[in-house]
N, C-alpha and C. Protein backbone atom coordinates (compact mmCIF):
# COMPACT_ATOMS: atom_id res chain seq x y z
N THR A 1 24.68 4.08 10.87
CA THR A 1 24.00 4.70 9.92
C THR A 1 22.42 4.28 10.14
N ASN A 2 21.66 5.12 9.61
CA ASN A 2 20.23 5.22 9.72
C ASN A 2 19.70 4.31 8.46
N SER A 3 19.32 3.08 8.68
CA SER A 3 18.90 2.44 7.56
C SER A 3 17.26 2.79 7.32
N ARG A 4 16.89 2.69 6.14
CA ARG A 4 15.54 2.93 5.61
C ARG A 4 15.11 1.45 5.20
N TYR A 5 13.97 1.10 5.47
CA TYR A 5 13.25 -0.08 5.20
C TYR A 5 12.14 0.18 4.30
N ILE A 6 12.37 -0.48 3.22
CA ILE A 6 11.13 -0.59 2.11
C ILE A 6 10.52 -2.00 2.23
N LEU A 7 9.33 -2.07 2.53
CA LEU A 7 8.59 -3.48 2.51
C LEU A 7 8.02 -3.67 1.12
N PHE A 8 8.61 -4.78 0.40
CA PHE A 8 8.06 -5.30 -0.93
C PHE A 8 6.67 -6.03 -0.51
N SER A 9 5.82 -5.89 -1.53
CA SER A 9 4.41 -6.35 -1.24
C SER A 9 4.27 -7.90 -1.25
N SER A 10 5.18 -8.59 -1.44
CA SER A 10 5.15 -10.00 -1.67
C SER A 10 6.40 -10.80 -1.52
N ALA A 11 6.42 -12.11 -1.88
CA ALA A 11 7.56 -12.78 -1.97
C ALA A 11 8.16 -12.63 -3.41
N PHE A 12 9.66 -12.39 -3.34
CA PHE A 12 10.35 -12.16 -4.43
C PHE A 12 10.29 -13.21 -5.53
N ASP A 13 9.89 -14.42 -5.27
CA ASP A 13 9.74 -15.25 -6.15
C ASP A 13 8.35 -15.49 -6.86
N ASN A 14 7.47 -14.70 -6.62
CA ASN A 14 6.20 -14.57 -7.20
C ASN A 14 6.30 -13.63 -8.59
N PRO A 15 6.37 -14.27 -9.60
CA PRO A 15 6.43 -13.51 -11.06
C PRO A 15 5.55 -12.38 -11.19
N ILE A 16 4.30 -12.44 -10.88
CA ILE A 16 3.46 -11.46 -11.05
C ILE A 16 3.59 -10.08 -10.23
N LYS A 17 4.47 -10.19 -9.18
CA LYS A 17 4.70 -9.36 -8.21
C LYS A 17 5.86 -8.38 -8.56
N ASN A 18 6.61 -8.74 -9.83
CA ASN A 18 7.62 -8.03 -10.42
C ASN A 18 8.75 -7.55 -9.55
N ALA A 19 9.19 -8.45 -8.67
CA ALA A 19 10.38 -8.07 -7.90
C ALA A 19 11.54 -7.52 -8.56
N PRO A 20 11.79 -8.05 -9.71
CA PRO A 20 13.10 -7.43 -10.29
C PRO A 20 12.97 -5.95 -10.61
N LEU A 21 11.89 -5.31 -10.71
CA LEU A 21 11.87 -3.87 -10.96
C LEU A 21 11.97 -3.16 -9.45
N ALA A 22 11.38 -3.83 -8.43
CA ALA A 22 11.49 -3.40 -7.09
C ALA A 22 13.10 -3.40 -6.79
N ILE A 23 13.72 -4.42 -7.08
CA ILE A 23 14.98 -4.43 -6.82
C ILE A 23 16.02 -3.49 -7.40
N LYS A 24 15.62 -3.34 -8.80
CA LYS A 24 16.45 -2.27 -9.63
C LYS A 24 16.23 -1.00 -9.13
N ALA A 25 15.02 -0.61 -8.77
CA ALA A 25 14.60 0.62 -8.27
C ALA A 25 15.15 1.05 -7.00
N THR A 26 15.65 -0.07 -6.10
CA THR A 26 16.05 0.29 -4.85
C THR A 26 17.60 0.13 -4.60
N LYS A 27 18.30 -0.55 -5.54
CA LYS A 27 19.57 -1.10 -5.30
C LYS A 27 20.50 0.03 -5.33
N ARG A 28 20.25 1.24 -5.71
CA ARG A 28 21.22 2.27 -5.66
C ARG A 28 20.94 3.25 -4.77
N LEU A 29 19.76 3.14 -3.96
CA LEU A 29 19.46 4.01 -2.71
C LEU A 29 20.41 3.66 -1.58
N LYS A 30 20.75 4.68 -0.98
CA LYS A 30 21.83 4.54 0.21
C LYS A 30 21.12 3.98 1.36
N ASN A 31 21.65 3.07 2.13
CA ASN A 31 21.24 2.62 3.37
C ASN A 31 19.82 2.07 3.33
N VAL A 32 19.37 1.37 2.30
CA VAL A 32 18.12 1.10 2.20
C VAL A 32 17.96 -0.52 2.12
N LYS A 33 17.06 -1.04 2.80
CA LYS A 33 16.89 -2.57 2.84
C LYS A 33 15.66 -2.83 2.34
N LEU A 34 15.56 -3.73 1.34
CA LEU A 34 14.24 -4.20 0.68
C LEU A 34 13.92 -5.39 1.22
N ILE A 35 12.65 -5.34 2.04
CA ILE A 35 12.32 -6.52 2.86
C ILE A 35 11.13 -7.24 2.08
N GLU A 36 11.36 -8.60 1.97
CA GLU A 36 10.50 -9.41 1.26
C GLU A 36 9.35 -9.82 2.23
N LEU A 37 8.04 -9.62 1.87
CA LEU A 37 6.97 -9.85 2.53
C LEU A 37 6.55 -11.45 2.38
N LYS A 38 7.25 -12.24 3.05
CA LYS A 38 6.98 -13.84 2.86
C LYS A 38 7.34 -14.29 4.26
N ASP A 39 6.12 -15.28 4.60
CA ASP A 39 6.50 -16.39 5.76
C ASP A 39 6.22 -15.29 7.22
N TYR A 40 5.43 -14.29 7.15
CA TYR A 40 5.40 -13.61 8.42
C TYR A 40 3.91 -13.76 8.81
N THR A 41 3.76 -13.64 10.20
CA THR A 41 2.43 -13.81 10.69
C THR A 41 1.63 -12.46 10.52
N LYS A 42 0.36 -12.36 10.74
CA LYS A 42 -0.43 -11.10 10.70
C LYS A 42 0.22 -10.16 11.66
N LYS A 43 0.40 -10.28 12.79
CA LYS A 43 1.03 -9.39 13.79
C LYS A 43 2.22 -9.08 13.33
N GLU A 44 3.11 -9.81 12.72
CA GLU A 44 4.62 -9.54 12.31
C GLU A 44 4.43 -8.51 11.03
N VAL A 45 3.35 -8.75 10.09
CA VAL A 45 3.05 -7.96 9.12
C VAL A 45 2.69 -6.39 9.72
N ASN A 46 1.66 -6.43 10.61
CA ASN A 46 1.52 -5.20 11.33
C ASN A 46 2.61 -4.55 11.97
N LEU A 47 3.59 -5.14 12.54
CA LEU A 47 4.71 -4.43 12.97
C LEU A 47 5.92 -3.94 12.00
N LEU A 48 5.87 -4.70 10.75
CA LEU A 48 6.54 -4.28 9.64
C LEU A 48 6.10 -3.24 9.01
N MET A 49 4.80 -3.12 8.82
CA MET A 49 4.13 -2.03 8.23
C MET A 49 4.34 -0.76 8.94
N ASN A 50 4.32 -0.76 10.32
CA ASN A 50 4.60 0.22 11.14
C ASN A 50 6.17 0.73 11.42
N ALA A 51 7.14 -0.28 11.13
CA ALA A 51 8.42 -0.07 11.23
C ALA A 51 9.11 0.41 9.91
N SER A 52 8.21 -0.01 8.72
CA SER A 52 8.88 0.35 7.44
C SER A 52 8.45 1.72 6.93
N ASP A 53 9.55 2.27 6.11
CA ASP A 53 9.34 3.73 5.90
C ASP A 53 8.34 3.62 4.65
N LEU A 54 8.08 2.54 3.74
CA LEU A 54 7.20 2.72 2.92
C LEU A 54 6.83 1.26 2.39
N LEU A 55 5.85 1.04 1.70
CA LEU A 55 5.34 -0.26 1.15
C LEU A 55 5.68 -0.03 -0.55
N LEU A 56 6.14 -0.91 -1.18
CA LEU A 56 6.58 -0.92 -2.52
C LEU A 56 5.78 -2.00 -3.27
N ILE A 57 4.84 -1.65 -4.06
CA ILE A 57 4.07 -2.49 -4.87
C ILE A 57 4.49 -2.20 -6.56
N THR A 58 5.04 -3.30 -7.19
CA THR A 58 5.51 -3.21 -8.43
C THR A 58 4.78 -4.24 -9.27
N SER A 59 3.69 -4.83 -8.95
CA SER A 59 2.89 -5.88 -9.50
C SER A 59 2.47 -5.56 -10.96
N PHE A 60 2.37 -6.61 -11.66
CA PHE A 60 1.89 -6.40 -12.99
C PHE A 60 0.26 -6.52 -13.07
N SER A 61 -0.25 -7.11 -12.18
CA SER A 61 -1.53 -7.03 -11.88
C SER A 61 -2.03 -7.56 -10.56
N GLU A 62 -3.11 -7.08 -10.06
CA GLU A 62 -3.70 -7.34 -8.52
C GLU A 62 -5.17 -7.27 -8.68
N THR A 63 -5.85 -8.14 -7.55
CA THR A 63 -7.22 -7.88 -7.47
C THR A 63 -7.37 -6.84 -6.45
N GLY A 64 -6.72 -6.61 -5.48
CA GLY A 64 -7.08 -5.53 -4.61
C GLY A 64 -5.86 -4.49 -4.38
N PRO A 65 -4.78 -4.73 -3.90
CA PRO A 65 -4.46 -5.70 -2.81
C PRO A 65 -4.58 -5.43 -1.58
N ILE A 66 -4.69 -6.39 -0.91
CA ILE A 66 -5.14 -6.23 0.58
C ILE A 66 -3.85 -5.68 1.55
N VAL A 67 -2.59 -5.83 0.66
CA VAL A 67 -1.46 -5.19 1.44
C VAL A 67 -1.58 -3.82 1.39
N ALA A 68 -2.08 -3.12 0.50
CA ALA A 68 -2.07 -1.77 0.46
C ALA A 68 -3.27 -1.21 1.47
N LYS A 69 -4.31 -1.93 1.82
CA LYS A 69 -5.21 -1.60 2.75
C LYS A 69 -4.54 -1.56 4.04
N GLU A 70 -3.66 -2.69 4.23
CA GLU A 70 -3.05 -2.60 5.63
C GLU A 70 -2.11 -1.53 5.80
N ALA A 71 -1.36 -1.03 4.63
CA ALA A 71 -0.53 -0.12 4.69
C ALA A 71 -1.23 1.25 4.92
N ILE A 72 -2.16 1.48 4.43
CA ILE A 72 -3.08 2.64 4.62
C ILE A 72 -3.57 2.62 6.22
N ALA A 73 -3.98 1.53 6.80
CA ALA A 73 -4.41 1.61 8.12
C ALA A 73 -3.17 1.87 9.01
N CYS A 74 -2.12 1.51 8.70
CA CYS A 74 -0.83 1.71 9.29
C CYS A 74 -0.27 3.05 9.22
N ASN A 75 -0.68 3.93 8.35
CA ASN A 75 -0.02 5.18 7.86
C ASN A 75 1.34 4.89 7.46
N CYS A 76 1.37 3.74 6.59
CA CYS A 76 2.76 3.57 5.79
C CYS A 76 2.43 4.00 4.50
N PRO A 77 3.54 4.96 4.16
CA PRO A 77 3.32 5.47 2.60
C PRO A 77 3.59 4.28 1.75
N ILE A 78 3.07 4.44 0.56
CA ILE A 78 2.84 3.56 -0.74
C ILE A 78 3.54 4.10 -1.89
N VAL A 79 4.27 3.32 -2.54
CA VAL A 79 4.60 3.63 -3.92
C VAL A 79 4.19 2.50 -4.65
N SER A 80 3.35 2.50 -5.54
CA SER A 80 2.56 1.33 -6.38
C SER A 80 2.47 1.66 -7.98
N THR A 81 2.76 0.50 -8.48
CA THR A 81 2.15 0.43 -9.91
C THR A 81 0.64 0.83 -9.95
N ASP A 82 0.04 1.02 -11.07
CA ASP A 82 -1.50 1.27 -11.26
C ASP A 82 -2.23 0.00 -11.15
N VAL A 83 -2.34 -0.86 -10.31
CA VAL A 83 -2.83 -2.22 -10.24
C VAL A 83 -4.08 -2.22 -9.31
N GLY A 84 -4.97 -3.02 -9.66
CA GLY A 84 -6.24 -3.43 -8.55
C GLY A 84 -7.02 -1.90 -8.36
N ASP A 85 -7.28 -1.76 -7.33
CA ASP A 85 -7.93 -0.46 -6.94
C ASP A 85 -6.97 0.41 -5.98
N VAL A 86 -5.65 0.39 -6.14
CA VAL A 86 -4.68 1.08 -5.45
C VAL A 86 -4.87 2.62 -5.72
N LYS A 87 -4.94 2.79 -6.94
CA LYS A 87 -5.28 4.24 -7.36
C LYS A 87 -6.36 4.90 -6.44
N ILE A 88 -7.53 4.21 -6.42
CA ILE A 88 -8.70 4.73 -5.76
C ILE A 88 -8.43 4.68 -4.30
N MET A 89 -7.74 3.68 -3.63
CA MET A 89 -7.50 3.44 -2.35
C MET A 89 -6.74 4.66 -1.81
N ILE A 90 -5.66 5.16 -2.41
CA ILE A 90 -4.68 5.98 -2.05
C ILE A 90 -4.99 7.51 -2.47
N ASN A 91 -6.06 7.63 -3.20
CA ASN A 91 -6.44 9.04 -3.61
C ASN A 91 -6.69 9.81 -2.37
N ASN A 92 -5.89 11.18 -2.49
CA ASN A 92 -5.86 12.29 -1.31
C ASN A 92 -5.16 11.63 -0.03
N ILE A 93 -4.33 10.71 -0.11
CA ILE A 93 -3.63 10.40 1.04
C ILE A 93 -2.07 10.71 0.82
N ARG A 94 -1.56 11.48 1.78
CA ARG A 94 -0.33 11.96 1.79
C ARG A 94 0.83 10.95 1.65
N ASN A 95 1.68 11.23 0.83
CA ASN A 95 2.73 10.23 0.57
C ASN A 95 2.48 8.90 0.25
N CYS A 96 1.46 8.91 -0.72
CA CYS A 96 1.10 7.59 -1.53
C CYS A 96 1.15 7.97 -2.94
N PHE A 97 1.77 7.15 -3.78
CA PHE A 97 1.87 7.52 -5.03
C PHE A 97 1.61 6.38 -6.03
N ILE A 98 1.17 6.54 -7.28
CA ILE A 98 1.15 5.68 -8.27
C ILE A 98 2.35 5.92 -9.25
N THR A 99 3.03 4.98 -9.74
CA THR A 99 4.16 5.06 -10.60
C THR A 99 4.00 4.18 -11.80
N ILE A 100 4.75 4.73 -12.81
CA ILE A 100 4.77 3.66 -14.04
C ILE A 100 5.89 2.60 -13.98
N PHE A 101 5.88 1.72 -14.77
CA PHE A 101 6.93 0.52 -14.80
C PHE A 101 8.22 1.08 -15.09
N ASP A 102 8.81 1.91 -14.24
CA ASP A 102 10.11 2.57 -14.70
C ASP A 102 10.93 2.77 -13.39
N HIS A 103 12.07 2.22 -13.15
CA HIS A 103 12.79 2.07 -11.90
C HIS A 103 13.16 3.56 -11.66
N ASN A 104 13.44 4.37 -12.38
CA ASN A 104 13.82 5.72 -12.22
C ASN A 104 12.45 6.50 -11.47
N ASP A 105 11.33 6.39 -12.17
CA ASP A 105 10.10 7.07 -11.71
C ASP A 105 9.93 6.38 -10.14
N ILE A 106 10.05 5.15 -10.02
CA ILE A 106 9.79 4.58 -8.60
C ILE A 106 10.85 5.14 -7.66
N LYS A 107 12.13 5.09 -7.97
CA LYS A 107 13.18 5.67 -7.18
C LYS A 107 12.84 7.21 -6.82
N GLU A 108 12.38 7.97 -7.79
CA GLU A 108 12.01 9.44 -7.56
C GLU A 108 11.02 9.55 -6.47
N LYS A 109 9.83 8.65 -6.56
CA LYS A 109 8.94 8.70 -5.54
C LYS A 109 9.39 8.28 -4.28
N ILE A 110 10.08 7.18 -4.24
CA ILE A 110 10.66 6.80 -2.87
C ILE A 110 11.57 8.07 -2.20
N ASN A 111 12.44 8.58 -2.99
CA ASN A 111 13.11 9.91 -2.44
C ASN A 111 12.42 10.95 -2.01
N PHE A 112 11.22 11.12 -2.49
CA PHE A 112 10.21 12.15 -2.30
C PHE A 112 9.84 11.78 -0.73
N ILE A 113 9.53 10.57 -0.51
CA ILE A 113 8.57 10.18 0.68
C ILE A 113 10.19 10.04 1.84
N PHE A 114 11.21 9.65 1.42
CA PHE A 114 12.29 9.80 2.21
C PHE A 114 12.62 11.38 2.59
N ASP A 115 12.74 12.21 1.74
CA ASP A 115 12.73 13.66 2.18
C ASP A 115 11.77 14.39 2.85
N SER A 116 10.56 13.80 2.68
CA SER A 116 9.37 14.53 3.42
C SER A 116 9.53 14.01 5.03
N LYS A 117 10.09 12.95 5.21
CA LYS A 117 10.10 12.47 6.48
C LYS A 117 8.82 12.34 7.25
N LYS A 118 7.78 12.05 6.50
CA LYS A 118 6.66 11.87 7.16
C LYS A 118 5.86 10.49 6.60
N ARG A 119 5.01 10.06 7.62
CA ARG A 119 4.11 8.92 7.23
C ARG A 119 2.90 9.34 6.56
N SER A 120 2.37 8.46 6.02
CA SER A 120 0.96 8.88 5.30
C SER A 120 -0.10 9.34 6.41
N ASN A 121 -1.26 9.74 5.91
CA ASN A 121 -2.23 10.01 6.79
C ASN A 121 -3.58 9.07 6.59
N GLY A 122 -3.06 7.87 6.05
CA GLY A 122 -4.15 6.96 5.59
C GLY A 122 -5.08 6.51 6.61
N SER A 123 -4.72 6.37 7.91
CA SER A 123 -5.68 5.64 9.02
C SER A 123 -6.99 6.73 9.07
N GLU A 124 -6.67 8.17 8.77
CA GLU A 124 -7.84 9.01 8.89
C GLU A 124 -8.90 8.64 7.75
N THR A 125 -8.51 7.95 6.58
CA THR A 125 -9.45 7.50 5.56
C THR A 125 -10.18 6.31 5.99
N MET A 126 -9.63 5.43 6.91
CA MET A 126 -10.09 4.29 7.08
C MET A 126 -11.46 4.28 8.03
N LYS A 127 -11.55 5.37 8.45
CA LYS A 127 -12.87 5.57 9.33
C LYS A 127 -14.11 5.28 8.38
N HIS A 128 -13.77 5.63 7.02
CA HIS A 128 -15.13 5.31 6.00
C HIS A 128 -15.31 4.02 5.84
N PHE A 129 -14.48 3.21 6.32
CA PHE A 129 -14.59 1.73 6.17
C PHE A 129 -14.75 0.71 7.39
N SER A 130 -15.37 1.56 8.33
CA SER A 130 -15.57 0.80 9.69
C SER A 130 -16.70 -0.13 9.69
N LEU A 131 -16.79 -1.26 10.38
CA LEU A 131 -17.83 -2.00 10.19
C LEU A 131 -19.21 -1.53 10.36
N GLU A 132 -19.24 -0.54 11.46
CA GLU A 132 -20.46 0.24 11.70
C GLU A 132 -21.14 1.04 10.34
N ILE A 133 -20.20 1.62 9.97
CA ILE A 133 -20.57 2.46 8.67
C ILE A 133 -20.94 1.64 7.67
N ILE A 134 -20.27 0.56 7.34
CA ILE A 134 -20.66 -0.52 6.31
C ILE A 134 -21.97 -1.19 6.51
N ALA A 135 -22.15 -1.47 7.79
CA ALA A 135 -23.51 -2.21 8.29
C ALA A 135 -24.59 -1.18 7.92
N LYS A 136 -24.39 0.11 8.18
CA LYS A 136 -25.44 1.28 8.02
C LYS A 136 -25.68 1.31 6.37
N LYS A 137 -24.77 1.14 5.72
CA LYS A 137 -24.86 1.28 4.28
C LYS A 137 -25.63 -0.02 3.48
N ILE A 138 -25.31 -1.09 4.22
CA ILE A 138 -25.92 -2.23 3.65
C ILE A 138 -27.30 -2.30 4.15
N ILE A 139 -27.77 -1.88 5.30
CA ILE A 139 -29.15 -1.68 5.94
C ILE A 139 -29.91 -0.69 4.93
N LYS A 140 -29.30 0.33 4.60
CA LYS A 140 -30.06 1.39 3.74
C LYS A 140 -30.31 0.69 2.36
N VAL A 141 -29.37 -0.03 1.77
CA VAL A 141 -29.63 -0.67 0.45
C VAL A 141 -30.90 -1.63 0.87
N TYR A 142 -30.79 -2.54 1.71
CA TYR A 142 -31.90 -3.45 1.91
C TYR A 142 -33.28 -2.66 2.19
N ARG A 143 -33.23 -1.45 2.78
CA ARG A 143 -34.56 -0.76 3.12
C ARG A 143 -35.02 -0.08 1.77
N THR A 144 -33.95 0.40 0.92
CA THR A 144 -34.33 0.99 -0.22
C THR A 144 -34.94 -0.01 -1.25
N PHE A 145 -34.49 -1.34 -1.33
CA PHE A 145 -34.97 -2.61 -2.01
C PHE A 145 -36.33 -2.84 -1.58
N GLU A 146 -36.34 -2.90 -0.17
CA GLU A 146 -37.79 -3.26 0.39
C GLU A 146 -39.02 -2.32 -0.01
N LYS A 147 -38.51 -1.15 0.11
CA LYS A 147 -39.60 0.00 -0.45
C LYS A 147 -39.98 -0.13 -1.94
N SER A 148 -38.92 -0.67 -2.92
CA SER A 148 -39.17 -0.49 -4.06
C SER A 148 -40.03 -1.69 -4.60
N ILE A 149 -39.90 -2.73 -3.71
CA ILE A 149 -40.96 -4.06 -3.81
C ILE A 149 -42.32 -4.03 -3.27
N ASN A 150 -42.38 -2.97 -2.39
CA ASN A 150 -43.90 -3.19 -1.76
C ASN A 150 -44.61 -1.95 -2.48
């Protein structure tokens, strides 16, 4: 059988990450393995992102999350609750969705990604965050400030 792999955004035992919702949403999906993102090196996380069919974020709250940025860079589709700045990060990226806190809504979006058989196109958006572009933006801010005080 062809198993599908869903990467959960964190450890199952972290209450803020809402693992029970992720487990409920995925338990009736056929040939699906929900992988707990816990105790992996950065290199292993990169490999998991590239090998997984999607990243699932069911958190109650987040500040970022960094894991979404990593998934975007790896063209890993994302299904996420509306936490942190995920909605802004995934705007206009193929196969990335914001969901409500409902296992059926999550399952529907997961199935859409599975049916499409496509990765996201997130890495195309990452070029806007290259160190060179960010450095140029910072220099522009300093030059604008310098002109305003002279």
